[in-house]
C-alpha atoms as a PDB file:
ATOM      1  CA  MET A   1      12.276   9.916 -39.845  1.00  0.00           C
ATOM      2  CA  TYR A   2      10.123  11.025 -36.914  1.00  0.00           C
ATOM      3  CA  LYS A   3       6.964   9.207 -38.028  1.00  0.00           C
ATOM      4  CA  ALA A   4       8.814   6.094 -39.196  1.00  0.00           C
ATOM      5  CA  LEU A   5      11.248   5.628 -36.306  1.00  0.00           C
ATOM      6  CA  LEU A   6      10.786   7.872 -33.294  1.00  0.00           C
ATOM      7  CA  LYS A   7       7.016   8.187 -33.068  1.00  0.00           C
ATOM      8  CA  PRO A   8       6.336   4.405 -32.823  1.00  0.00           C
ATOM      9  CA  LEU A   9       8.801   4.203 -29.931  1.00  0.00           C
ATOM     10  CA  LEU A  10       7.391   7.245 -28.149  1.00  0.00           C
ATOM     11  CA  PHE A  11       3.827   5.991 -28.515  1.00  0.00           C
ATOM     12  CA  GLN A  12       4.749   2.845 -26.613  1.00  0.00           C
ATOM     13  CA  LEU A  13       5.414   5.035 -23.574  1.00  0.00           C
ATOM     14  CA  ASP A  14       2.844   6.711 -21.376  1.00  0.00           C
ATOM     15  CA  ALA A  15       2.059  10.073 -22.995  1.00  0.00           C
ATOM     16  CA  GLU A  16       3.522  12.177 -20.195  1.00  0.00           C
ATOM     17  CA  GLN A  17       6.593   9.927 -19.925  1.00  0.00           C
ATOM     18  CA  ALA A  18       7.141  10.354 -23.658  1.00  0.00           C
ATOM     19  CA  HIS A  19       6.957  14.119 -23.249  1.00  0.00           C
ATOM     20  CA  HIS A  20       9.673  14.097 -20.591  1.00  0.00           C
ATOM     21  CA  PHE A  21      11.765  11.679 -22.676  1.00  0.00           C
ATOM     22  CA  VAL A  22      11.676  14.060 -25.645  1.00  0.00           C
ATOM     23  CA  PHE A  23      12.490  17.027 -23.415  1.00  0.00           C
ATOM     24  CA  ASP A  24      15.456  15.334 -21.788  1.00  0.00           C
ATOM     25  CA  ASN A  25      16.920  14.066 -25.043  1.00  0.00           C
ATOM     26  CA  LEU A  26      16.446  17.322 -26.935  1.00  0.00           C
ATOM     27  CA  ARG A  27      18.260  19.123 -24.134  1.00  0.00           C
ATOM     28  CA  ARG A  28      21.108  16.600 -24.065  1.00  0.00           C
ATOM     29  CA  SER A  29      21.530  16.397 -27.824  1.00  0.00           C
ATOM     30  CA  CYS A  30      21.661  20.176 -28.204  1.00  0.00           C
ATOM     31  CA  ARG A  31      24.681  20.228 -25.899  1.00  0.00           C
ATOM     32  CA  LEU A  32      26.657  18.207 -28.460  1.00  0.00           C
ATOM     33  CA  PRO A  33      28.694  20.191 -30.995  1.00  0.00           C
ATOM     34  CA  GLY A  34      26.921  20.570 -34.319  1.00  0.00           C
ATOM     35  CA  THR A  35      23.508  19.309 -33.185  1.00  0.00           C
ATOM     36  CA  ARG A  36      21.784  22.691 -33.262  1.00  0.00           C
ATOM     37  CA  ALA A  37      23.118  23.398 -36.735  1.00  0.00           C
ATOM     38  CA  LEU A  38      21.926  19.972 -37.875  1.00  0.00           C
ATOM     39  CA  LEU A  39      18.420  20.534 -36.492  1.00  0.00           C
ATOM     40  CA  ARG A  40      18.214  23.911 -38.203  1.00  0.00           C
ATOM     41  CA  SER A  41      19.289  22.380 -41.502  1.00  0.00           C
ATOM     42  CA  LEU A  42      16.561  19.750 -41.184  1.00  0.00           C
ATOM     43  CA  TYR A  43      13.650  21.797 -39.880  1.00  0.00           C
ATOM     44  CA  ASP A  44      14.218  25.517 -40.263  1.00  0.00           C
ATOM     45  CA  PHE A  45      12.954  27.356 -43.326  1.00  0.00           C
ATOM     46  CA  ALA A  46      13.496  31.072 -43.790  1.00  0.00           C
ATOM     47  CA  HIS A  47      12.052  33.376 -46.438  1.00  0.00           C
ATOM     48  CA  PRO A  48      11.323  37.119 -46.444  1.00  0.00           C
ATOM     49  CA  SER A  49       7.640  36.542 -47.217  1.00  0.00           C
ATOM     50  CA  LEU A  50       7.212  34.594 -43.982  1.00  0.00           C
ATOM     51  CA  GLU A  51       7.942  37.622 -41.823  1.00  0.00           C
ATOM     52  CA  ARG A  52       4.982  39.103 -39.978  1.00  0.00           C
ATOM     53  CA  GLU A  53       4.459  42.208 -37.884  1.00  0.00           C
ATOM     54  CA  VAL A  54       1.604  41.526 -35.466  1.00  0.00           C
ATOM     55  CA  PHE A  55       0.618  43.604 -32.429  1.00  0.00           C
ATOM     56  CA  GLY A  56       3.854  45.527 -32.796  1.00  0.00           C
ATOM     57  CA  LEU A  57       6.161  42.501 -32.803  1.00  0.00           C
ATOM     58  CA  LYS A  58       8.186  41.213 -35.753  1.00  0.00           C
ATOM     59  CA  PHE A  59       7.902  37.432 -36.206  1.00  0.00           C
ATOM     60  CA  ARG A  60      10.367  35.644 -38.484  1.00  0.00           C
ATOM     61  CA  ASN A  61       7.565  33.290 -39.510  1.00  0.00           C
ATOM     62  CA  PRO A  62       3.916  32.783 -38.491  1.00  0.00           C
ATOM     63  CA  VAL A  63       4.214  29.303 -36.934  1.00  0.00           C
ATOM     64  CA  GLY A  64       4.509  29.071 -33.159  1.00  0.00           C
ATOM     65  CA  LEU A  65       4.492  26.436 -30.462  1.00  0.00           C
ATOM     66  CA  ALA A  66       1.397  26.669 -28.278  1.00  0.00           C
ATOM     67  CA  ALA A  67       1.402  26.923 -24.512  1.00  0.00           C
ATOM     68  CA  GLY A  68       1.408  23.625 -22.664  1.00  0.00           C
ATOM     69  CA  PHE A  69       4.460  22.094 -24.296  1.00  0.00           C
ATOM     70  CA  ASP A  70       7.214  24.068 -22.574  1.00  0.00           C
ATOM     71  CA  LYS A  71       5.406  25.032 -19.394  1.00  0.00           C
ATOM     72  CA  ASN A  72       8.504  26.061 -17.476  1.00  0.00           C
ATOM     73  CA  ALA A  73      10.548  27.767 -20.215  1.00  0.00           C
ATOM     74  CA  GLU A  74      13.100  24.964 -20.086  1.00  0.00           C
ATOM     75  CA  LEU A  75      13.793  24.519 -23.815  1.00  0.00           C
ATOM     76  CA  THR A  76      13.161  27.814 -25.590  1.00  0.00           C
ATOM     77  CA  ASP A  77      16.648  27.878 -27.141  1.00  0.00           C
ATOM     78  CA  GLU A  78      16.398  24.263 -28.253  1.00  0.00           C
ATOM     79  CA  LEU A  79      12.905  24.710 -29.668  1.00  0.00           C
ATOM     80  CA  ALA A  80      14.139  27.714 -31.642  1.00  0.00           C
ATOM     81  CA  THR A  81      16.286  25.309 -33.707  1.00  0.00           C
ATOM     82  CA  LEU A  82      13.150  23.488 -34.942  1.00  0.00           C
ATOM     83  CA  GLY A  83      11.952  26.342 -37.124  1.00  0.00           C
ATOM     84  CA  PHE A  84       9.319  27.978 -34.940  1.00  0.00           C
ATOM     85  CA  GLY A  85       8.711  31.692 -35.276  1.00  0.00           C
ATOM     86  CA  PHE A  86       7.736  31.988 -31.627  1.00  0.00           C
ATOM     87  CA  VAL A  87       7.222  29.895 -28.501  1.00  0.00           C
ATOM     88  CA  GLU A  88       4.521  30.429 -25.888  1.00  0.00           C
ATOM     89  CA  ILE A  89       5.510  29.183 -22.454  1.00  0.00           C
ATOM     90  CA  GLY A  90       3.152  28.205 -19.640  1.00  0.00           C
ATOM     91  CA  THR A  91       0.547  28.186 -18.466  1.00  0.00           C
ATOM     92  CA  VAL A  92       2.517  29.748 -15.604  1.00  0.00           C
ATOM     93  CA  THR A  93       1.000  30.423 -12.193  1.00  0.00           C
ATOM     94  CA  PRO A  94       2.447  32.706  -9.504  1.00  0.00           C
ATOM     95  CA  ARG A  95       3.321  29.811  -7.220  1.00  0.00           C
ATOM     96  CA  ALA A  96       4.572  26.377  -8.190  1.00  0.00           C
ATOM     97  CA  GLN A  97       1.945  23.651  -8.155  1.00  0.00           C
ATOM     98  CA  PRO A  98       1.949  19.937  -9.028  1.00  0.00           C
ATOM     99  CA  GLY A  99      -1.192  19.910 -11.149  1.00  0.00           C
ATOM    100  CA  ASN A 100      -3.692  17.104 -11.188  1.00  0.00           C
ATOM    101  CA  PRO A 101      -2.859  13.485 -10.275  1.00  0.00           C
ATOM    102  CA  ALA A 102      -1.426  11.252 -12.994  1.00  0.00           C
ATOM    103  CA  PRO A 103      -2.363   9.776 -15.351  1.00  0.00           C
ATOM    104  CA  ARG A 104      -3.500  13.067 -16.843  1.00  0.00           C
ATOM    105  CA  LEU A 105      -2.442  12.997 -20.493  1.00  0.00           C
ATOM    106  CA  PHE A 106      -3.965  10.516 -22.948  1.00  0.00           C
ATOM    107  CA  ARG A 107      -3.573   9.817 -26.654  1.00  0.00           C
ATOM    108  CA  LEU A 108      -6.502   9.053 -28.950  1.00  0.00           C
ATOM    109  CA  PRO A 109      -4.577   7.713 -31.986  1.00  0.00           C
ATOM    110  CA  GLN A 110      -7.702   6.914 -34.017  1.00  0.00           C
ATOM    111  CA  ASP A 111      -8.638  10.572 -33.831  1.00  0.00           C
ATOM    112  CA  GLU A 112      -5.095  12.000 -33.852  1.00  0.00           C
ATOM    113  CA  ALA A 113      -6.070  13.755 -30.644  1.00  0.00           C
ATOM    114  CA  LEU A 114      -5.096  14.168 -27.021  1.00  0.00           C
ATOM    115  CA  VAL A 115      -7.055  14.504 -23.820  1.00  0.00           C
ATOM    116  CA  ASN A 116      -5.308  16.318 -21.011  1.00  0.00           C
ATOM    117  CA  ARG A 117      -6.210  17.348 -17.513  1.00  0.00           C
ATOM    118  CA  MET A 118      -2.767  18.540 -16.472  1.00  0.00           C
ATOM    119  CA  GLY A 119      -4.100  21.278 -14.206  1.00  0.00           C
ATOM    120  CA  PHE A 120      -1.477  23.998 -14.754  1.00  0.00           C
ATOM    121  CA  ASN A 121       1.402  21.904 -13.397  1.00  0.00           C
ATOM    122  CA  ASN A 122       4.406  24.231 -13.358  1.00  0.00           C
ATOM    123  CA  GLU A 123       7.319  25.446 -11.262  1.00  0.00           C
ATOM    124  CA  GLY A 124       5.964  28.966 -10.817  1.00  0.00           C
ATOM    125  CA  ALA A 125       6.533  32.317 -12.488  1.00  0.00           C
ATOM    126  CA  ALA A 126       9.846  33.089 -10.754  1.00  0.00           C
ATOM    127  CA  ALA A 127      11.443  29.865 -12.040  1.00  0.00           C
ATOM    128  CA  ALA A 128      10.276  30.521 -15.597  1.00  0.00           C
ATOM    129  CA  ALA A 129      11.544  34.101 -15.489  1.00  0.00           C
ATOM    130  CA  ARG A 130      14.915  32.965 -14.197  1.00  0.00           C
ATOM    131  CA  ARG A 131      15.347  30.561 -17.112  1.00  0.00           C
ATOM    132  CA  LEU A 132      14.238  33.129 -19.674  1.00  0.00           C
ATOM    133  CA  ARG A 133      16.861  35.585 -18.443  1.00  0.00           C
ATOM    134  CA  GLN A 134      19.503  32.991 -19.334  1.00  0.00           C
ATOM    135  CA  ARG A 135      18.305  32.186 -22.848  1.00  0.00           C
ATOM    136  CA  ARG A 136      20.530  32.880 -25.838  1.00  0.00           C
ATOM    137  CA  SER A 137      18.172  32.830 -28.807  1.00  0.00           C
ATOM    138  CA  ASP A 138      16.135  35.850 -29.865  1.00  0.00           C
ATOM    139  CA  ILE A 139      12.983  33.875 -30.680  1.00  0.00           C
ATOM    140  CA  ILE A 140       9.801  35.689 -29.646  1.00  0.00           C
ATOM    141  CA  ILE A 141       8.429  34.376 -26.349  1.00  0.00           C
ATOM    142  CA  GLY A 142       4.831  34.562 -25.191  1.00  0.00           C
ATOM    143  CA  GLY A 143       3.957  34.258 -21.522  1.00  0.00           C
ATOM    144  CA  ASN A 144       0.708  32.374 -20.874  1.00  0.00           C
ATOM    145  CA  ILE A 145      -0.469  33.163 -17.335  1.00  0.00           C
ATOM    146  CA  GLY A 146      -3.086  31.602 -15.073  1.00  0.00           C
ATOM    147  CA  LYS A 147      -4.186  31.397 -11.473  1.00  0.00           C
ATOM    148  CA  ASN A 148      -3.225  28.849  -8.855  1.00  0.00           C
ATOM    149  CA  LYS A 149      -5.752  26.108  -8.211  1.00  0.00           C
ATOM    150  CA  ASP A 150      -6.283  27.105  -4.581  1.00  0.00           C
ATOM    151  CA  THR A 151      -6.876  30.780  -5.392  1.00  0.00           C
ATOM    152  CA  PRO A 152     -10.603  31.630  -5.263  1.00  0.00           C
ATOM    153  CA  ASN A 153     -12.032  33.211  -8.396  1.00  0.00           C
ATOM    154  CA  GLU A 154     -12.762  36.352  -6.379  1.00  0.00           C
ATOM    155  CA  GLN A 155      -8.998  36.772  -5.921  1.00  0.00           C
ATOM    156  CA  ALA A 156      -7.942  35.522  -9.351  1.00  0.00           C
ATOM    157  CA  ALA A 157      -6.966  38.940 -10.697  1.00  0.00           C
ATOM    158  CA  ALA A 158      -4.200  39.184  -8.082  1.00  0.00           C
ATOM    159  CA  ASP A 159      -2.697  35.927  -9.371  1.00  0.00           C
ATOM    160  CA  TYR A 160      -2.746  37.126 -12.968  1.00  0.00           C
ATOM    161  CA  VAL A 161      -1.144  40.424 -11.982  1.00  0.00           C
ATOM    162  CA  ALA A 162       1.519  38.584  -9.982  1.00  0.00           C
ATOM    163  CA  GLY A 163       2.353  36.301 -12.913  1.00  0.00           C
ATOM    164  CA  PHE A 164       2.400  39.293 -15.237  1.00  0.00           C
ATOM    165  CA  GLU A 165       4.828  41.192 -13.019  1.00  0.00           C
ATOM    166  CA  ALA A 166       7.134  38.212 -12.545  1.00  0.00           C
ATOM    167  CA  LEU A 167       7.446  37.585 -16.301  1.00  0.00           C
ATOM    168  CA  PHE A 168       7.226  41.132 -17.620  1.00  0.00           C
ATOM    169  CA  ASP A 169      10.927  41.673 -18.320  1.00  0.00           C
ATOM    170  CA  THR A 170      11.437  38.249 -19.895  1.00  0.00           C
ATOM    171  CA  VAL A 171       8.595  37.750 -22.426  1.00  0.00           C
ATOM    172  CA  ASP A 172       7.476  39.626 -25.519  1.00  0.00           C
ATOM    173  CA  TYR A 173       3.709  39.269 -25.142  1.00  0.00           C
ATOM    174  CA  PHE A 174       1.208  37.929 -22.621  1.00  0.00           C
ATOM    175  CA  VAL A 175      -1.770  35.612 -22.894  1.00  0.00           C
ATOM    176  CA  VAL A 176      -4.392  35.535 -20.149  1.00  0.00           C
ATOM    177  CA  ASN A 177      -5.685  31.975 -19.889  1.00  0.00           C
ATOM    178  CA  VAL A 178      -9.162  31.673 -18.372  1.00  0.00           C
ATOM    179  CA  SER A 179     -10.305  28.959 -20.763  1.00  0.00           C
ATOM    180  CA  SER A 180      -8.605  25.779 -19.548  1.00  0.00           C
ATOM    181  CA  PRO A 181     -11.184  23.174 -18.478  1.00  0.00           C
ATOM    182  CA  ASN A 182      -8.761  21.556 -16.019  1.00  0.00           C
ATOM    183  CA  THR A 183      -8.714  24.060 -13.153  1.00  0.00           C
ATOM    184  CA  PRO A 184     -11.950  23.984 -11.143  1.00  0.00           C
ATOM    185  CA  ASN A 185     -14.282  26.901 -11.947  1.00  0.00           C
ATOM    186  CA  LEU A 186     -11.666  28.666 -14.087  1.00  0.00           C
ATOM    187  CA  ARG A 187     -13.974  28.986 -17.079  1.00  0.00           C
ATOM    188  CA  GLN A 188     -16.411  30.964 -14.956  1.00  0.00           C
ATOM    189  CA  LEU A 189     -13.931  33.813 -15.373  1.00  0.00           C
ATOM    190  CA  GLN A 190     -14.879  33.940 -19.063  1.00  0.00           C
ATOM    191  CA  GLU A 191     -18.230  35.452 -18.108  1.00  0.00           C
ATOM    192  CA  LYS A 192     -18.471  39.100 -19.050  1.00  0.00           C
ATOM    193  CA  GLU A 193     -18.302  40.942 -15.736  1.00  0.00           C
ATOM    194  CA  PRO A 194     -15.564  38.911 -13.973  1.00  0.00           C
ATOM    195  CA  LEU A 195     -13.495  38.878 -17.153  1.00  0.00           C
ATOM    196  CA  ILE A 196     -13.687  42.643 -17.583  1.00  0.00           C
ATOM    197  CA  ARG A 197     -12.577  43.173 -13.999  1.00  0.00           C
ATOM    198  CA  LEU A 198      -9.689  40.734 -14.335  1.00  0.00           C
ATOM    199  CA  LEU A 199      -8.411  42.125 -17.625  1.00  0.00           C
ATOM    200  CA  GLN A 200      -8.764  45.713 -16.473  1.00  0.00           C
ATOM    201  CA  GLN A 201      -6.507  45.044 -13.514  1.00  0.00           C
ATOM    202  CA  VAL A 202      -3.845  43.332 -15.625  1.00  0.00           C
ATOM    203  CA  GLN A 203      -4.078  45.972 -18.342  1.00  0.00           C
ATOM    204  CA  GLU A 204      -3.904  48.795 -15.823  1.00  0.00           C
ATOM    205  CA  ARG A 205      -0.613  47.386 -14.557  1.00  0.00           C
ATOM    206  CA  ASN A 206       0.569  46.857 -18.126  1.00  0.00           C
ATOM    207  CA  LEU A 207      -0.211  50.394 -19.276  1.00  0.00           C
ATOM    208  CA  SER A 208       1.599  51.836 -16.275  1.00  0.00           C
ATOM    209  CA  LYS A 209       4.861  50.473 -17.708  1.00  0.00           C
ATOM    210  CA  PRO A 210       7.102  52.688 -19.878  1.00  0.00           C
ATOM    211  CA  ARG A 211       6.790  50.087 -22.648  1.00  0.00           C
ATOM    212  CA  PRO A 212       3.598  48.004 -22.266  1.00  0.00           C
ATOM    213  CA  LYS A 213       3.531  44.484 -23.701  1.00  0.00           C
ATOM    214  CA  PRO A 214       0.852  43.125 -26.055  1.00  0.00           C
ATOM    215  CA  LEU A 215      -1.883  41.526 -23.937  1.00  0.00           C
ATOM    216  CA  LEU A 216      -4.009  38.756 -25.435  1.00  0.00           C
ATOM    217  CA  LEU A 217      -6.824  36.530 -24.199  1.00  0.00           C
ATOM    218  CA  LYS A 218      -7.080  32.792 -24.900  1.00  0.00           C
ATOM    219  CA  ILE A 219     -10.660  31.636 -25.383  1.00  0.00           C
ATOM    220  CA  ALA A 220     -12.474  28.306 -25.376  1.00  0.00           C
ATOM    221  CA  PRO A 221     -13.958  26.742 -28.513  1.00  0.00           C
ATOM    222  CA  ASP A 222     -17.142  25.946 -26.591  1.00  0.00           C
ATOM    223  CA  LEU A 223     -18.425  29.548 -26.482  1.00  0.00           C
ATOM    224  CA  THR A 224     -21.659  30.508 -28.243  1.00  0.00           C
ATOM    225  CA  ASP A 225     -21.783  33.305 -30.798  1.00  0.00           C
ATOM    226  CA  GLY A 226     -23.319  35.521 -28.139  1.00  0.00           C
ATOM    227  CA  GLN A 227     -20.444  34.787 -25.784  1.00  0.00           C
ATOM    228  CA  LEU A 228     -17.957  35.467 -28.582  1.00  0.00           C
ATOM    229  CA  ASP A 229     -19.636  38.830 -29.110  1.00  0.00           C
ATOM    230  CA  ASP A 230     -19.181  39.521 -25.408  1.00  0.00           C
ATOM    231  CA  ILE A 231     -15.491  38.626 -25.738  1.00  0.00           C
ATOM    232  CA  LEU A 232     -15.119  41.172 -28.544  1.00  0.00           C
ATOM    233  CA  THR A 233     -16.824  43.834 -26.446  1.00  0.00           C
ATOM    234  CA  ILE A 234     -14.490  43.047 -23.564  1.00  0.00           C
ATOM    235  CA  ALA A 235     -11.467  43.096 -25.879  1.00  0.00           C
ATOM    236  CA  ALA A 236     -12.382  46.597 -27.015  1.00  0.00           C
ATOM    237  CA  GLU A 237     -13.124  47.877 -23.503  1.00  0.00           C
ATOM    238  CA  THR A 238      -9.880  46.537 -22.059  1.00  0.00           C
ATOM    239  CA  ARG A 239      -7.769  47.411 -25.115  1.00  0.00           C
ATOM    240  CA  LEU A 240      -6.534  43.890 -25.761  1.00  0.00           C
ATOM    241  CA  SER A 241      -3.943  43.437 -28.493  1.00  0.00           C
ATOM    242  CA  GLY A 242      -5.455  40.202 -29.778  1.00  0.00           C
ATOM    243  CA  LEU A 243      -7.039  36.829 -29.093  1.00  0.00           C
ATOM    244  CA  VAL A 244      -5.800  33.241 -29.088  1.00  0.00           C
ATOM    245  CA  ALA A 245      -8.467  30.967 -30.569  1.00  0.00           C
ATOM    246  CA  THR A 246      -8.860  28.333 -29.324  1.00  0.00           C
ATOM    247  CA  ASN A 247      -8.063  26.314 -26.215  1.00  0.00           C
ATOM    248  CA  THR A 248      -9.069  22.668 -25.799  1.00  0.00           C
ATOM    249  CA  THR A 249     -12.705  21.564 -25.855  1.00  0.00           C
ATOM    250  CA  ILE A 250     -14.808  19.644 -23.362  1.00  0.00           C
ATOM    251  CA  ALA A 251     -16.910  18.239 -26.234  1.00  0.00           C
ATOM    252  CA  ARG A 252     -16.533  14.628 -27.365  1.00  0.00           C
ATOM    253  CA  ASP A 253     -18.562  14.734 -30.584  1.00  0.00           C
ATOM    254  CA  ALA A 254     -18.065  12.309 -33.472  1.00  0.00           C
ATOM    255  CA  LEU A 255     -14.910  10.685 -32.161  1.00  0.00           C
ATOM    256  CA  ARG A 256     -13.721   7.369 -33.556  1.00  0.00           C
ATOM    257  CA  THR A 257     -12.284   6.295 -30.225  1.00  0.00           C
ATOM    258  CA  ASP A 258     -14.433   3.739 -28.433  1.00  0.00           C
ATOM    259  CA  GLN A 259     -16.849   5.255 -25.908  1.00  0.00           C
ATOM    260  CA  THR A 260     -15.717   2.797 -23.256  1.00  0.00           C
ATOM    261  CA  GLN A 261     -12.150   4.052 -23.600  1.00  0.00           C
ATOM    262  CA  LEU A 262     -13.327   7.663 -23.445  1.00  0.00           C
ATOM    263  CA  ALA A 263     -15.306   6.927 -20.295  1.00  0.00           C
ATOM    264  CA  ALA A 264     -12.241   5.319 -18.722  1.00  0.00           C
ATOM    265  CA  ILE A 265     -10.133   8.381 -19.545  1.00  0.00           C
ATOM    266  CA  GLY A 266     -12.679  10.727 -18.022  1.00  0.00           C
ATOM    267  CA  ALA A 267     -12.617  14.512 -17.894  1.00  0.00           C
ATOM    268  CA  GLY A 268     -10.111  16.748 -19.651  1.00  0.00           C
ATOM    269  CA  GLY A 269      -9.604  19.058 -22.589  1.00  0.00           C
ATOM    270  CA  LEU A 270      -9.634  17.512 -26.054  1.00  0.00           C
ATOM    271  CA  SER A 271      -7.130  18.775 -28.627  1.00  0.00           C
ATOM    272  CA  GLY A 272      -6.072  17.702 -32.095  1.00  0.00           C
ATOM    273  CA  LYS A 273      -7.899  16.969 -35.344  1.00  0.00           C
ATOM    274  CA  PRO A 274     -11.430  16.846 -33.873  1.00  0.00           C
ATOM    275  CA  LEU A 275     -11.021  20.496 -32.878  1.00  0.00           C
ATOM    276  CA  ARG A 276      -9.845  21.662 -36.307  1.00  0.00           C
ATOM    277  CA  GLN A 277     -13.149  22.809 -37.810  1.00  0.00           C
ATOM    278  CA  ARG A 278     -14.594  24.406 -34.686  1.00  0.00           C
ATOM    279  CA  SER A 279     -11.425  26.372 -34.052  1.00  0.00           C
ATOM    280  CA  THR A 280     -11.388  27.601 -37.648  1.00  0.00           C
ATOM    281  CA  ASP A 281     -15.069  28.567 -37.430  1.00  0.00           C
ATOM    282  CA  VAL A 282     -14.397  30.614 -34.279  1.00  0.00           C
ATOM    283  CA  ILE A 283     -11.487  32.376 -35.961  1.00  0.00           C
ATOM    284  CA  ARG A 284     -13.622  33.192 -38.997  1.00  0.00           C
ATOM    285  CA  TYR A 285     -16.449  34.527 -36.845  1.00  0.00           C
ATOM    286  CA  LEU A 286     -14.150  36.760 -34.799  1.00  0.00           C
ATOM    287  CA  HIS A 287     -12.326  37.996 -37.884  1.00  0.00           C
ATOM    288  CA  ARG A 288     -15.553  38.934 -39.672  1.00  0.00           C
ATOM    289  CA  ARG A 289     -17.084  40.622 -36.633  1.00  0.00           C
ATOM    290  CA  THR A 290     -14.015  42.847 -36.269  1.00  0.00           C
ATOM    291  CA  ASP A 291     -13.378  43.369 -40.008  1.00  0.00           C
ATOM    292  CA  GLY A 292      -9.946  41.938 -39.372  1.00  0.00           C
ATOM    293  CA  GLY A 293      -9.118  44.658 -36.887  1.00  0.00           C
ATOM    294  CA  LEU A 294      -8.160  42.392 -33.979  1.00  0.00           C
ATOM    295  CA  PRO A 295      -5.191  40.039 -34.519  1.00  0.00           C
ATOM    296  CA  ILE A 296      -5.903  36.374 -33.878  1.00  0.00           C
ATOM    297  CA  ILE A 297      -3.474  33.547 -33.134  1.00  0.00           C
ATOM    298  CA  GLY A 298      -5.130  30.427 -34.534  1.00  0.00           C
ATOM    299  CA  VAL A 299      -4.618  27.144 -32.731  1.00  0.00           C
ATOM    300  CA  GLY A 300      -6.548  23.887 -32.687  1.00  0.00           C
ATOM    301  CA  GLY A 301      -6.313  20.822 -34.890  1.00  0.00           C
ATOM    302  CA  ILE A 302      -3.465  21.872 -37.179  1.00  0.00           C
ATOM    303  CA  ALA A 303      -2.039  18.589 -38.460  1.00  0.00           C
ATOM    304  CA  SER A 304      -1.017  19.595 -41.983  1.00  0.00           C
ATOM    305  CA  ALA A 305       0.118  22.595 -43.976  1.00  0.00           C
ATOM    306  CA  GLN A 306      -3.378  22.911 -45.417  1.00  0.00           C
ATOM    307  CA  ASP A 307      -4.876  23.084 -41.934  1.00  0.00           C
ATOM    308  CA  ALA A 308      -2.628  26.047 -41.152  1.00  0.00           C
ATOM    309  CA  LEU A 309      -3.467  27.738 -44.464  1.00  0.00           C
ATOM    310  CA  ASP A 310      -7.165  27.296 -43.680  1.00  0.00           C
ATOM    311  CA  LYS A 311      -6.691  29.019 -40.325  1.00  0.00           C
ATOM    312  CA  MET A 312      -4.921  31.910 -42.031  1.00  0.00           C
ATOM    313  CA  ALA A 313      -7.591  32.144 -44.724  1.00  0.00           C
ATOM    314  CA  ALA A 314     -10.182  32.349 -41.936  1.00  0.00           C
ATOM    315  CA  GLY A 315      -8.351  35.306 -40.449  1.00  0.00           C
ATOM    316  CA  ALA A 316      -5.521  34.060 -38.242  1.00  0.00           C
ATOM    317  CA  ALA A 317      -2.466  36.312 -38.368  1.00  0.00           C
ATOM    318  CA  LEU A 318      -0.341  33.618 -36.723  1.00  0.00           C
ATOM    319  CA  VAL A 319      -0.841  29.932 -35.935  1.00  0.00           C
ATOM    320  CA  GLN A 320       0.322  27.589 -33.190  1.00  0.00           C
ATOM    321  CA  LEU A 321       0.919  23.847 -32.974  1.00  0.00           C
ATOM    322  CA  TYR A 322       0.660  21.417 -30.112  1.00  0.00           C
ATOM    323  CA  THR A 323      -1.056  18.090 -30.790  1.00  0.00           C
ATOM    324  CA  GLY A 324      -0.121  18.145 -34.484  1.00  0.00           C
ATOM    325  CA  PHE A 325       3.494  18.622 -33.449  1.00  0.00           C
ATOM    326  CA  ILE A 326       3.278  15.429 -31.381  1.00  0.00           C
ATOM    327  CA  TYR A 327       1.612  13.350 -34.098  1.00  0.00           C
ATOM    328  CA  GLU A 328       3.447  14.768 -37.134  1.00  0.00           C
ATOM    329  CA  GLY A 329       6.810  15.766 -35.660  1.00  0.00           C
ATOM    330  CA  PRO A 330       8.946  18.860 -36.173  1.00  0.00           C
ATOM    331  CA  ALA A 331       8.886  18.614 -39.971  1.00  0.00           C
ATOM    332  CA  LEU A 332       5.326  19.970 -39.814  1.00  0.00           C
ATOM    333  CA  VAL A 333       6.683  23.438 -38.994  1.00  0.00           C
ATOM    334  CA  LYS A 334       8.811  23.467 -42.133  1.00  0.00           C
ATOM    335  CA  ARG A 335       5.984  22.134 -44.321  1.00  0.00           C
ATOM    336  CA  ILE A 336       3.662  24.898 -43.163  1.00  0.00           C
ATOM    337  CA  ASN A 337       6.215  27.630 -43.788  1.00  0.00           C
ATOM    338  CA  GLN A 338       7.030  26.229 -47.233  1.00  0.00           C
ATOM    339  CA  ALA A 339       3.318  26.127 -48.069  1.00  0.00           C
ATOM    340  CA  VAL A 340       2.853  29.725 -46.961  1.00  0.00           C
ATOM    341  CA  VAL A 341       5.682  30.835 -49.260  1.00  0.00           C
ATOM    342  CA  ALA A 342       4.373  28.745 -52.157  1.00  0.00           C
ATOM    343  CA  GLY A 343       0.934  30.254 -51.747  1.00  0.00           C
ATOM    344  CA  ARG A 344       2.305  33.786 -52.002  1.00  0.00           C
ATOM    345  CA  ARG A 345       4.210  33.296 -55.252  1.00  0.00           C
END
């Protein structure tokens, strides 16, 4: 139904307008009696073999929604009806900020991809925390945190600590995002020394709590093997609970979309099918280098059940959707979970 009826209509709208249209209508429809039950009957799929315990948390299934879709924690209860095992909100910054000027989200239908340069547009950590305190579902929530655009890199750690503190009581795990290409100079924080300092400060605050939360790092797909080795060293030194692999890419290799169109779109992070293989390769490399000892959330280019199974075979303990969810619709979550169960029989 989604691909035959709704998707053609949504794809006639500007990509960001379509996003807001879906948000508004999902919120409204879920207020009607019976709608949530109907959505669960269509898209939810439960089975004991889907349950996972990862970094101390029990997930009802391994398929999550990646950060970037529900930046402000507006629809966590509604999204829980679509069969996800967890939802990662954000990226959230300490202070509200508008993000980059529109247009800033672009579809590449020939490649089943997106280019975005949103720039961490969000209402701030306090607003997200307030909404999460009011939620009714028990779905696992991840808090993806970043720095404000006008915060110098030298002061970035303070922003991450502030976001961490604001969300601590309302999320189940944290993801430190230093890998978005859409905030100026942010990726410089992936270098070894600044990243160690940043993570140590967040982790120090975390470990001072009576019950620390799992702390993960989201990494770019554009890192070399040497840089990935540095990430693993940093993960060990700062006692990270896991990694999220991977964020969007700045590469534009082997795309079907016309180069003139790509030039007109300009800068931004590429997500979707073109990222599938690189993301899986990064997961496999990290998994092998750690002998499977560091949990990985696999994200990037999952557009089918087989794509998700490939990520898991490469070493991902959990997977996340974003672009595939937009192109394939909510039924993709159910197909993945059914395939996972079928593969375990």
